[in-house]
Amino acid sequence: MQSLTGFLILGAEAEATGVAWGDMATLLFTFIILLVLLRIFAWGPLMNVMKERQDHISNEIDTAEKNRQDAERMSSEAQEELKKTRQEAHQIIEDAKQTAKEQEQDIITAARTEGERIKESARQEIETEKEKAIQALQDQVASLSVRIASKVIEKELSEQDQEKLINEYVKEVGEGR
C-alpha cells in the first residue's frame, strides 16, 4: 500500500526505502513557477476585472440610491407644490366668493340709491307739474273770473284793469293755499 500512496502523491513510483527528493523539488519548483505565472498573467488581470466589476456595481448602486433620493425629493416637492396649488385655488375661490358678496352689496346699494334718486326725481317732477297745474288753473280761474265779472258788470274792462284783477286774485288764491 505504501507504494501506491507514494505513486499517487508524487506522481511516480517511489522506492520503498526512500523518498524521491529530486522529483519532489522539481514538482515544487514547477508548482511555484506555475503559481507565479498564474499570479502575473491570470490573477492580476482577474483581480482587475473583479475590481472593475465591483467598482461598476458600487457606482450603479450609488447612482440608483441617488436617483431614488432624487425621486423621493421630487415626489415630495411635487406633493408640496400640489398642496400649495390646492391652497391657492381654494384661496382664489374664497376671494372670488368674497368679491361676489361685495359686488352684490355694491349692486344692491347702487340699486337702492338709484331707486331713491328716481323717487326723489319723480317727487320733484310731480311737485313741478303740480305747481304748473296750479298756475295754469289759477290763470284759467282768473281768466274765467274776469269774464264772469265783466259779464256781471256788463262792461268791458281794460287790459290793465284785467291784469290787475288777475294778479290780485292769484295773490288771494296763493295765500289761501
Protein backbone atom coordinates (compact mmCIF):
# COMPACT_ATOMS: atom_id res chain seq x y z
CA MET A 1 0.00 0.00 0.00
CA GLN A 2 2.85 2.26 0.66
CA SER A 3 3.99 2.11 -2.87
CA LEU A 4 0.55 3.03 -4.16
CA THR A 5 0.40 6.08 -1.86
CA GLY A 6 3.88 7.16 -2.91
CA PHE A 7 2.91 6.78 -6.54
CA LEU A 8 -0.25 8.82 -6.13
CA ILE A 9 1.36 11.56 -4.09
CA LEU A 10 4.48 12.10 -6.07
CA GLY A 11 3.23 11.04 -9.40
CA ALA A 12 5.96 8.49 -9.78
CA GLU A 13 6.75 5.20 -8.29
CA ALA A 14 8.67 5.66 -5.06
CA GLU A 15 11.04 3.20 -3.68
CA ALA A 16 10.03 1.60 -0.54
CA THR A 17 13.05 2.69 1.30
CA GLY A 18 13.40 6.36 0.36
CA VAL A 19 11.69 9.48 -0.86
CA ALA A 20 12.49 10.87 -4.29
CA TRP A 21 13.57 14.30 -3.21
CA GLY A 22 14.64 15.36 -6.61
CA ASP A 23 11.26 14.73 -8.14
CA MET A 24 9.59 16.47 -5.25
CA ALA A 25 11.83 19.52 -5.63
CA THR A 26 11.16 19.61 -9.35
CA LEU A 27 7.44 19.42 -8.77
CA LEU A 28 7.61 22.09 -6.07
CA PHE A 29 9.70 24.37 -8.32
CA THR A 30 7.29 23.81 -11.23
CA PHE A 31 4.34 24.47 -8.94
CA ILE A 32 5.87 27.73 -7.66
CA ILE A 33 6.63 28.87 -11.23
CA LEU A 34 3.07 27.98 -12.18
CA LEU A 35 1.77 29.99 -9.22
CA VAL A 36 3.96 32.99 -10.17
CA LEU A 37 2.84 32.79 -13.79
CA LEU A 38 -0.80 32.50 -12.69
CA ARG A 39 -0.26 35.45 -10.37
CA ILE A 40 1.26 37.58 -13.14
CA PHE A 41 -0.88 36.61 -16.11
CA ALA A 42 -4.16 35.40 -14.64
CA TRP A 43 -4.58 36.55 -11.03
CA GLY A 44 -3.72 40.24 -11.62
CA PRO A 45 -5.99 40.72 -14.66
CA LEU A 46 -8.68 38.60 -13.00
CA MET A 47 -8.47 40.75 -9.86
CA ASN A 48 -8.51 43.92 -12.02
CA VAL A 49 -11.63 42.68 -13.81
CA MET A 50 -13.20 41.79 -10.45
CA LYS A 51 -12.20 45.21 -9.03
CA GLU A 52 -13.65 46.97 -12.10
CA ARG A 53 -16.81 44.92 -11.77
CA GLN A 54 -17.02 45.73 -8.06
CA ASP A 55 -16.48 49.45 -8.77
CA HIS A 56 -19.06 49.35 -11.55
CA ILE A 57 -21.63 47.66 -9.31
CA SER A 58 -20.80 50.07 -6.47
CA ASN A 59 -21.26 53.03 -8.85
CA GLU A 60 -24.55 51.58 -10.10
CA ILE A 61 -25.77 51.13 -6.52
CA ASP A 62 -24.69 54.69 -5.64
CA THR A 63 -26.38 56.04 -8.78
CA ALA A 64 -29.53 54.06 -8.05
CA GLU A 65 -29.56 55.33 -4.46
CA LYS A 66 -29.01 58.90 -5.64
CA ASN A 67 -31.79 58.51 -8.22
CA ARG A 68 -34.09 57.07 -5.55
CA GLN A 69 -33.33 60.01 -3.26
CA ASP A 70 -33.85 62.46 -6.12
CA ALA A 71 -37.14 60.76 -6.98
CA GLU A 72 -38.26 60.95 -3.34
CA ARG A 73 -37.23 64.61 -3.18
CA MET A 74 -39.02 65.39 -6.45
CA SER A 75 -42.08 63.49 -5.27
CA SER A 76 -42.04 65.43 -2.02
CA GLU A 77 -41.62 68.71 -3.91
CA ALA A 78 -44.44 67.75 -6.27
CA GLN A 79 -46.67 66.93 -3.29
CA GLU A 80 -45.80 70.28 -1.69
CA GLU A 81 -46.41 72.10 -4.96
CA LEU A 82 -49.73 70.30 -5.40
CA LYS A 83 -50.70 71.16 -1.84
CA LYS A 84 -49.70 74.80 -2.39
CA THR A 85 -51.62 74.89 -5.69
CA ARG A 86 -54.72 73.48 -3.99
CA GLN A 87 -54.42 76.08 -1.24
CA GLU A 88 -54.03 78.84 -3.81
CA ALA A 89 -57.04 77.55 -5.75
CA HIS A 90 -59.07 77.43 -2.54
CA GLN A 91 -57.93 80.96 -1.68
CA ILE A 92 -58.85 82.18 -5.18
CA ILE A 93 -62.30 80.62 -4.81
CA GLU A 94 -62.74 82.21 -1.37
CA ASP A 95 -61.57 85.57 -2.72
CA ALA A 96 -63.98 85.25 -5.65
CA LYS A 97 -66.83 84.46 -3.26
CA GLN A 98 -65.91 87.45 -1.10
CA THR A 99 -65.64 89.70 -4.15
CA ALA A 100 -69.01 88.44 -5.39
CA LYS A 101 -70.57 89.23 -2.00
CA GLU A 102 -69.04 92.69 -2.03
CA GLN A 103 -70.22 93.29 -5.59
CA GLU A 104 -73.66 92.03 -4.63
CA GLN A 105 -73.78 94.52 -1.75
CA ASP A 106 -72.46 97.28 -4.03
CA ILE A 107 -75.11 96.47 -6.65
CA ILE A 108 -77.86 96.40 -4.01
CA THR A 109 -76.65 99.68 -2.55
CA ALA A 110 -76.40 101.26 -6.01
CA ALA A 111 -79.89 99.99 -6.89
CA ARG A 112 -81.31 101.41 -3.66
CA THR A 113 -79.55 104.72 -4.24
CA GLU A 114 -80.78 104.82 -7.84
CA GLY A 115 -84.28 103.93 -6.66
CA GLU A 116 -84.20 106.74 -4.10
CA ARG A 117 -82.86 109.13 -6.73
CA ILE A 118 -85.62 108.13 -9.16
CA LYS A 119 -88.25 108.51 -6.42
CA GLU A 120 -86.90 111.92 -5.47
CA SER A 121 -86.77 112.95 -9.12
CA ALA A 122 -90.35 111.76 -9.55
CA ARG A 123 -91.40 113.71 -6.44
CA GLN A 124 -89.74 116.82 -7.77
CA GLU A 125 -91.28 116.30 -11.18
CA ILE A 126 -94.68 115.74 -9.58
CA GLU A 127 -94.21 118.87 -7.48
CA THR A 128 -93.17 120.84 -10.57
CA GLU A 129 -96.12 119.52 -12.55
CA LYS A 130 -98.39 120.26 -9.60
CA GLU A 131 -97.09 123.83 -9.46
CA LYS A 132 -97.59 124.17 -13.22
CA ALA A 133 -101.09 122.76 -12.96
CA ILE A 134 -101.92 125.12 -10.07
CA GLN A 135 -100.51 128.02 -12.03
CA ALA A 136 -102.48 127.01 -15.12
CA LEU A 137 -105.58 126.54 -13.01
CA GLN A 138 -105.06 129.93 -11.38
CA ASP A 139 -104.63 131.50 -14.79
CA GLN A 140 -107.82 129.85 -16.02
CA VAL A 141 -109.72 130.75 -12.87
CA ALA A 142 -108.54 134.34 -13.14
CA SER A 143 -109.49 134.49 -16.77
CA LEU A 144 -112.89 132.96 -16.05
CA SER A 145 -113.38 135.25 -13.09
CA VAL A 146 -112.65 138.29 -15.21
CA ARG A 147 -115.08 137.11 -17.89
CA ILE A 148 -117.73 136.40 -15.35
CA ALA A 149 -117.13 139.70 -13.64
CA SER A 150 -117.22 141.57 -16.90
CA LYS A 151 -120.46 139.91 -17.86
CA VAL A 152 -121.84 140.62 -14.45
CA ILE A 153 -120.84 144.19 -14.62
CA GLU A 154 -121.64 144.21 -18.28
CA LYS A 155 -118.89 146.25 -19.19
CA GLU A 156 -115.55 145.66 -20.72
CA LEU A 157 -112.54 146.09 -18.61
CA SER A 158 -109.43 147.49 -19.99
CA GLU A 159 -106.45 145.25 -20.36
CA GLN A 160 -104.67 146.92 -17.44
CA ASP A 161 -107.67 146.53 -15.17
CA GLN A 162 -107.99 142.93 -16.20
CA GLU A 163 -104.33 142.22 -15.43
CA LYS A 164 -104.63 143.97 -12.07
CA LEU A 165 -107.66 141.87 -11.16
CA ILE A 166 -105.87 138.70 -12.20
CA ASN A 167 -102.79 139.45 -10.11
CA GLU A 168 -104.92 140.25 -7.07
CA TYR A 169 -106.89 137.06 -7.49
CA VAL A 170 -103.69 135.00 -7.93
CA LYS A 171 -102.33 136.50 -4.71
CA GLU A 172 -105.52 135.62 -2.87
CA VAL A 173 -105.53 132.05 -4.22
CA GLY A 174 -101.80 131.68 -3.46
CA GLU A 175 -102.30 132.89 0.10
CA GLY A 176 -105.31 130.63 0.55
CA ARG A 177 -103.29 127.55 -0.05
